[in-house]
Amino acid sequence: MLRTLWDPFQDLRSDLRSAQDERTRYQYQYRMDSQMDSLFAHAFGLHGQRQGAAVANTPVWVPALDISERKDAYLVSVELPGVKLDDLTITLDDGLLTIKGERHFADDGSEQQFHRVERCYGAFGRSITLPAHVAADAVEAAIEDGVLQILVPKAEDAKPRHIEVRPGSRQGREAIEAAEATTPTS
């Protein structure tokens, strides 16, 4: 019986060998290296970060958030366990809600030796574009049990309203025409 061993990198090596000149070979190798770096960075939570020796082992911390809509407001919920109020900044500028902060590493200065550190620390920032029809002056925020909740009320003109439909009659048309006549035009 004849056995053939499968080599998963055979295609890559044959493509590299088939490259005509050294410049093409270098471009191909660079592209493959970039793709592999991107693949591993994504798998280990390092995506969205400059890759290099100094930062390659530091995962990016981006707090999870949910955005929900109610009849009268939008609700943004952000998981921020371990973030102190003094380290948190929330701004709303021209429809862009920005949440910035920092979670510090809890080191009590003792001779404690860590065997594993899986939680992420450091600065973070999230920006969310909100719809145009929000009441920016009435935004409220509260944090409880490590969950920040930001309530962004809708502006009055953005809230849905019920319009009653009346049966057609001469009086109804006259009322609509009278209302149009008294409404100032620009």
C-alpha atoms as a PDB file:
ATOM      1  CA  MET A   1       0.000   0.000   0.000  1.00  0.00           C
ATOM      2  CA  LEU A   2       1.317   3.403  -0.980  1.00  0.00           C
ATOM      3  CA  ARG A   3       0.982   6.171   1.592  1.00  0.00           C
ATOM      4  CA  THR A   4       1.065   9.827   0.674  1.00  0.00           C
ATOM      5  CA  LEU A   5       1.636  12.368   3.403  1.00  0.00           C
ATOM      6  CA  TRP A   6      -0.341  15.578   3.175  1.00  0.00           C
ATOM      7  CA  ASP A   7       1.689  18.740   3.494  1.00  0.00           C
ATOM      8  CA  PRO A   8      -0.596  21.726   4.267  1.00  0.00           C
ATOM      9  CA  PHE A   9       2.090  24.236   3.283  1.00  0.00           C
ATOM     10  CA  GLN A  10       2.889  22.669  -0.086  1.00  0.00           C
ATOM     11  CA  ASP A  11       0.655  25.101  -1.964  1.00  0.00           C
ATOM     12  CA  LEU A  12       2.259  28.070  -0.252  1.00  0.00           C
ATOM     13  CA  ARG A  13       5.774  26.891  -1.090  1.00  0.00           C
ATOM     14  CA  SER A  14       4.889  26.158  -4.700  1.00  0.00           C
ATOM     15  CA  ASP A  15       3.339  29.629  -5.098  1.00  0.00           C
ATOM     16  CA  LEU A  16       6.457  31.181  -3.610  1.00  0.00           C
ATOM     17  CA  ARG A  17       8.739  29.195  -5.914  1.00  0.00           C
ATOM     18  CA  SER A  18       6.682  30.169  -8.918  1.00  0.00           C
ATOM     19  CA  ALA A  19       7.141  33.883  -8.238  1.00  0.00           C
ATOM     20  CA  GLN A  20       9.226  35.228 -11.138  1.00  0.00           C
ATOM     21  CA  ASP A  21      11.579  37.718  -9.567  1.00  0.00           C
ATOM     22  CA  GLU A  22      12.818  38.596  -6.123  1.00  0.00           C
ATOM     23  CA  ARG A  23      10.564  41.655  -5.774  1.00  0.00           C
ATOM     24  CA  THR A  24       7.424  39.610  -6.510  1.00  0.00           C
ATOM     25  CA  ARG A  25       8.629  36.947  -4.099  1.00  0.00           C
ATOM     26  CA  TYR A  26       9.185  39.572  -1.380  1.00  0.00           C
ATOM     27  CA  GLN A  27       5.707  41.091  -1.939  1.00  0.00           C
ATOM     28  CA  TYR A  28       4.141  37.642  -1.789  1.00  0.00           C
ATOM     29  CA  GLN A  29       6.002  36.763   1.415  1.00  0.00           C
ATOM     30  CA  TYR A  30       5.048  40.100   3.009  1.00  0.00           C
ATOM     31  CA  ARG A  31       1.382  39.567   2.100  1.00  0.00           C
ATOM     32  CA  MET A  32       1.430  36.043   3.547  1.00  0.00           C
ATOM     33  CA  ASP A  33       3.123  37.261   6.742  1.00  0.00           C
ATOM     34  CA  SER A  34       0.534  40.030   7.115  1.00  0.00           C
ATOM     35  CA  GLN A  35      -2.334  37.603   6.624  1.00  0.00           C
ATOM     36  CA  MET A  36      -0.913  35.162   9.168  1.00  0.00           C
ATOM     37  CA  ASP A  37      -0.280  37.975  11.672  1.00  0.00           C
ATOM     38  CA  SER A  38      -3.831  39.177  11.200  1.00  0.00           C
ATOM     39  CA  LEU A  39      -5.230  35.671  11.638  1.00  0.00           C
ATOM     40  CA  PHE A  40      -3.361  35.039  14.884  1.00  0.00           C
ATOM     41  CA  ALA A  41      -3.996  38.554  16.189  1.00  0.00           C
ATOM     42  CA  HIS A  42      -7.719  38.061  15.709  1.00  0.00           C
ATOM     43  CA  ALA A  43      -7.628  34.617  17.345  1.00  0.00           C
ATOM     44  CA  PHE A  44      -5.801  35.947  20.421  1.00  0.00           C
ATOM     45  CA  GLY A  45      -7.775  39.176  20.810  1.00  0.00           C
ATOM     46  CA  LEU A  46      -5.046  41.452  19.499  1.00  0.00           C
ATOM     47  CA  HIS A  47      -6.910  42.804  16.461  1.00  0.00           C
ATOM     48  CA  GLY A  48      -7.223  46.550  16.031  1.00  0.00           C
ATOM     49  CA  GLN A  49      -3.802  47.063  17.580  1.00  0.00           C
ATOM     50  CA  ARG A  50      -0.375  47.872  16.220  1.00  0.00           C
ATOM     51  CA  GLN A  51       1.618  44.691  15.933  1.00  0.00           C
ATOM     52  CA  GLY A  52       5.137  44.753  17.275  1.00  0.00           C
ATOM     53  CA  ALA A  53       7.321  43.238  19.966  1.00  0.00           C
ATOM     54  CA  ALA A  54       6.276  45.752  22.625  1.00  0.00           C
ATOM     55  CA  VAL A  55       2.533  45.443  22.174  1.00  0.00           C
ATOM     56  CA  ALA A  56       2.044  41.982  20.706  1.00  0.00           C
ATOM     57  CA  ASN A  57       1.260  40.383  24.079  1.00  0.00           C
ATOM     58  CA  THR A  58      -1.118  43.100  25.297  1.00  0.00           C
ATOM     59  CA  PRO A  59      -4.748  42.416  24.405  1.00  0.00           C
ATOM     60  CA  VAL A  60      -6.996  45.312  23.506  1.00  0.00           C
ATOM     61  CA  TRP A  61      -9.774  45.922  26.006  1.00  0.00           C
ATOM     62  CA  VAL A  62     -13.006  47.107  24.463  1.00  0.00           C
ATOM     63  CA  PRO A  63     -15.999  46.950  26.814  1.00  0.00           C
ATOM     64  CA  ALA A  64     -19.081  45.231  25.433  1.00  0.00           C
ATOM     65  CA  LEU A  65     -22.164  47.364  24.912  1.00  0.00           C
ATOM     66  CA  ASP A  66     -25.801  47.037  23.924  1.00  0.00           C
ATOM     67  CA  ILE A  67     -27.996  49.679  22.314  1.00  0.00           C
ATOM     68  CA  SER A  68     -31.755  49.365  22.569  1.00  0.00           C
ATOM     69  CA  GLU A  69     -34.600  51.612  21.507  1.00  0.00           C
ATOM     70  CA  ARG A  70     -37.767  52.404  23.387  1.00  0.00           C
ATOM     71  CA  LYS A  71     -40.660  54.606  22.359  1.00  0.00           C
ATOM     72  CA  ASP A  72     -39.226  57.610  24.170  1.00  0.00           C
ATOM     73  CA  ALA A  73     -35.458  57.007  24.321  1.00  0.00           C
ATOM     74  CA  TYR A  74     -32.362  55.026  23.372  1.00  0.00           C
ATOM     75  CA  LEU A  75     -30.643  53.008  26.090  1.00  0.00           C
ATOM     76  CA  VAL A  76     -26.908  52.294  25.904  1.00  0.00           C
ATOM     77  CA  SER A  77     -25.667  49.655  28.366  1.00  0.00           C
ATOM     78  CA  VAL A  78     -21.907  49.188  28.761  1.00  0.00           C
ATOM     79  CA  GLU A  79     -20.127  46.535  30.833  1.00  0.00           C
ATOM     80  CA  LEU A  80     -17.473  48.327  32.908  1.00  0.00           C
ATOM     81  CA  PRO A  81     -16.525  46.104  35.851  1.00  0.00           C
ATOM     82  CA  GLY A  82     -13.680  47.522  37.896  1.00  0.00           C
ATOM     83  CA  VAL A  83     -13.822  51.009  36.353  1.00  0.00           C
ATOM     84  CA  LYS A  84     -14.034  53.813  38.931  1.00  0.00           C
ATOM     85  CA  LEU A  85     -16.265  56.837  38.346  1.00  0.00           C
ATOM     86  CA  ASP A  86     -13.228  59.137  38.459  1.00  0.00           C
ATOM     87  CA  ASP A  87     -11.738  57.226  35.511  1.00  0.00           C
ATOM     88  CA  LEU A  88     -14.864  57.536  33.330  1.00  0.00           C
ATOM     89  CA  THR A  89     -15.778  60.306  30.864  1.00  0.00           C
ATOM     90  CA  ILE A  90     -18.944  60.497  28.769  1.00  0.00           C
ATOM     91  CA  THR A  91     -19.503  63.176  26.131  1.00  0.00           C
ATOM     92  CA  LEU A  92     -22.172  63.840  23.521  1.00  0.00           C
ATOM     93  CA  ASP A  93     -21.017  66.121  20.731  1.00  0.00           C
ATOM     94  CA  ASP A  94     -22.951  66.619  17.510  1.00  0.00           C
ATOM     95  CA  GLY A  95     -24.682  63.225  17.704  1.00  0.00           C
ATOM     96  CA  LEU A  96     -21.528  61.307  18.673  1.00  0.00           C
ATOM     97  CA  LEU A  97     -21.709  59.656  22.109  1.00  0.00           C
ATOM     98  CA  THR A  98     -18.195  58.937  23.370  1.00  0.00           C
ATOM     99  CA  ILE A  99     -17.373  56.810  26.407  1.00  0.00           C
ATOM    100  CA  LYS A 100     -13.759  56.880  27.585  1.00  0.00           C
ATOM    101  CA  GLY A 101     -12.126  55.481  30.663  1.00  0.00           C
ATOM    102  CA  GLU A 102      -9.478  53.304  32.162  1.00  0.00           C
ATOM    103  CA  ARG A 103      -9.397  50.165  34.263  1.00  0.00           C
ATOM    104  CA  HIS A 104      -6.299  49.970  36.440  1.00  0.00           C
ATOM    105  CA  PHE A 105      -4.459  46.806  37.376  1.00  0.00           C
ATOM    106  CA  ALA A 106      -5.181  46.018  41.039  1.00  0.00           C
ATOM    107  CA  ASP A 107      -1.659  45.603  42.387  1.00  0.00           C
ATOM    108  CA  ASP A 108      -1.415  46.015  46.141  1.00  0.00           C
ATOM    109  CA  GLY A 109       2.375  46.276  45.995  1.00  0.00           C
ATOM    110  CA  SER A 110       2.979  43.073  47.925  1.00  0.00           C
ATOM    111  CA  GLU A 111       5.354  40.347  46.909  1.00  0.00           C
ATOM    112  CA  GLN A 112       2.489  38.667  45.107  1.00  0.00           C
ATOM    113  CA  GLN A 113       3.445  36.618  42.076  1.00  0.00           C
ATOM    114  CA  PHE A 114       0.863  36.158  39.338  1.00  0.00           C
ATOM    115  CA  HIS A 115       0.693  32.847  37.512  1.00  0.00           C
ATOM    116  CA  ARG A 116      -1.985  33.951  35.072  1.00  0.00           C
ATOM    117  CA  VAL A 117      -3.549  37.307  34.218  1.00  0.00           C
ATOM    118  CA  GLU A 118      -6.474  36.953  31.806  1.00  0.00           C
ATOM    119  CA  ARG A 119      -8.374  40.156  32.527  1.00  0.00           C
ATOM    120  CA  CYS A 120      -7.575  43.163  30.385  1.00  0.00           C
ATOM    121  CA  TYR A 121      -6.573  46.529  31.795  1.00  0.00           C
ATOM    122  CA  GLY A 122      -5.828  49.943  30.447  1.00  0.00           C
ATOM    123  CA  ALA A 123      -7.547  52.766  28.639  1.00  0.00           C
ATOM    124  CA  PHE A 124     -10.535  52.260  26.377  1.00  0.00           C
ATOM    125  CA  GLY A 125     -12.812  54.353  24.226  1.00  0.00           C
ATOM    126  CA  ARG A 126     -16.095  53.689  22.443  1.00  0.00           C
ATOM    127  CA  SER A 127     -17.937  56.100  20.154  1.00  0.00           C
ATOM    128  CA  ILE A 128     -21.498  55.648  18.952  1.00  0.00           C
ATOM    129  CA  THR A 129     -23.269  57.749  16.351  1.00  0.00           C
ATOM    130  CA  LEU A 130     -26.798  58.498  17.527  1.00  0.00           C
ATOM    131  CA  PRO A 131     -29.748  59.451  15.340  1.00  0.00           C
ATOM    132  CA  ALA A 132     -30.226  63.189  14.786  1.00  0.00           C
ATOM    133  CA  HIS A 133     -33.445  63.428  16.781  1.00  0.00           C
ATOM    134  CA  VAL A 134     -32.218  63.164  20.381  1.00  0.00           C
ATOM    135  CA  ALA A 135     -32.584  65.542  23.318  1.00  0.00           C
ATOM    136  CA  ALA A 136     -28.901  66.117  24.091  1.00  0.00           C
ATOM    137  CA  ASP A 137     -29.668  68.260  27.153  1.00  0.00           C
ATOM    138  CA  ALA A 138     -31.632  65.472  28.849  1.00  0.00           C
ATOM    139  CA  VAL A 139     -29.098  62.605  28.641  1.00  0.00           C
ATOM    140  CA  GLU A 140     -28.693  60.709  31.923  1.00  0.00           C
ATOM    141  CA  ALA A 141     -26.116  58.140  33.009  1.00  0.00           C
ATOM    142  CA  ALA A 142     -25.906  55.785  35.992  1.00  0.00           C
ATOM    143  CA  ILE A 143     -23.664  52.873  36.919  1.00  0.00           C
ATOM    144  CA  GLU A 144     -24.646  49.927  39.070  1.00  0.00           C
ATOM    145  CA  ASP A 145     -22.940  46.545  39.543  1.00  0.00           C
ATOM    146  CA  GLY A 146     -20.363  47.358  36.864  1.00  0.00           C
ATOM    147  CA  VAL A 147     -22.947  48.183  34.179  1.00  0.00           C
ATOM    148  CA  LEU A 148     -23.155  51.746  32.895  1.00  0.00           C
ATOM    149  CA  GLN A 149     -26.559  52.743  31.543  1.00  0.00           C
ATOM    150  CA  ILE A 150     -26.919  55.880  29.439  1.00  0.00           C
ATOM    151  CA  LEU A 151     -30.456  57.025  28.690  1.00  0.00           C
ATOM    152  CA  VAL A 152     -30.672  59.260  25.605  1.00  0.00           C
ATOM    153  CA  PRO A 153     -34.212  60.670  25.263  1.00  0.00           C
ATOM    154  CA  LYS A 154     -35.668  61.194  21.836  1.00  0.00           C
ATOM    155  CA  ALA A 155     -36.632  64.723  20.808  1.00  0.00           C
ATOM    156  CA  GLU A 156     -40.358  65.433  20.822  1.00  0.00           C
ATOM    157  CA  ASP A 157     -40.546  65.635  17.025  1.00  0.00           C
ATOM    158  CA  ALA A 158     -38.978  62.156  16.723  1.00  0.00           C
ATOM    159  CA  LYS A 159     -41.495  60.398  18.970  1.00  0.00           C
ATOM    160  CA  PRO A 160     -44.270  58.600  17.141  1.00  0.00           C
ATOM    161  CA  ARG A 161     -47.725  60.022  17.567  1.00  0.00           C
ATOM    162  CA  HIS A 162     -51.144  58.646  16.852  1.00  0.00           C
ATOM    163  CA  ILE A 163     -53.144  60.421  14.167  1.00  0.00           C
ATOM    164  CA  GLU A 164     -56.861  59.963  14.272  1.00  0.00           C
ATOM    165  CA  VAL A 165     -58.587  59.438  10.946  1.00  0.00           C
ATOM    166  CA  ARG A 166     -62.079  60.873  10.657  1.00  0.00           C
ATOM    167  CA  PRO A 167     -64.644  59.913   8.081  1.00  0.00           C
ATOM    168  CA  GLY A 168     -64.677  62.259   5.100  1.00  0.00           C
ATOM    169  CA  SER A 169     -67.131  65.099   5.396  1.00  0.00           C
ATOM    170  CA  ARG A 170     -67.502  68.635   4.227  1.00  0.00           C
ATOM    171  CA  GLN A 171     -66.779  69.916   7.750  1.00  0.00           C
ATOM    172  CA  GLY A 172     -63.528  67.914   7.908  1.00  0.00           C
ATOM    173  CA  ARG A 173     -62.244  69.368   4.641  1.00  0.00           C
ATOM    174  CA  GLU A 174     -63.209  72.876   5.728  1.00  0.00           C
ATOM    175  CA  ALA A 175     -61.325  72.417   9.032  1.00  0.00           C
ATOM    176  CA  ILE A 176     -58.179  71.266   7.204  1.00  0.00           C
ATOM    177  CA  GLU A 177     -58.379  74.170   4.751  1.00  0.00           C
ATOM    178  CA  ALA A 178     -58.871  76.639   7.612  1.00  0.00           C
ATOM    179  CA  ALA A 179     -55.831  75.210   9.446  1.00  0.00           C
ATOM    180  CA  GLU A 180     -53.703  75.507   6.299  1.00  0.00           C
ATOM    181  CA  ALA A 181     -54.818  79.108   5.813  1.00  0.00           C
ATOM    182  CA  THR A 182     -53.762  80.103   9.359  1.00  0.00           C
ATOM    183  CA  THR A 183     -50.383  78.320   9.217  1.00  0.00           C
ATOM    184  CA  PRO A 184     -47.629  80.829   8.381  1.00  0.00           C
ATOM    185  CA  THR A 185     -45.542  79.969   5.336  1.00  0.00           C
ATOM    186  CA  SER A 186     -41.829  80.631   5.081  1.00  0.00           C
END
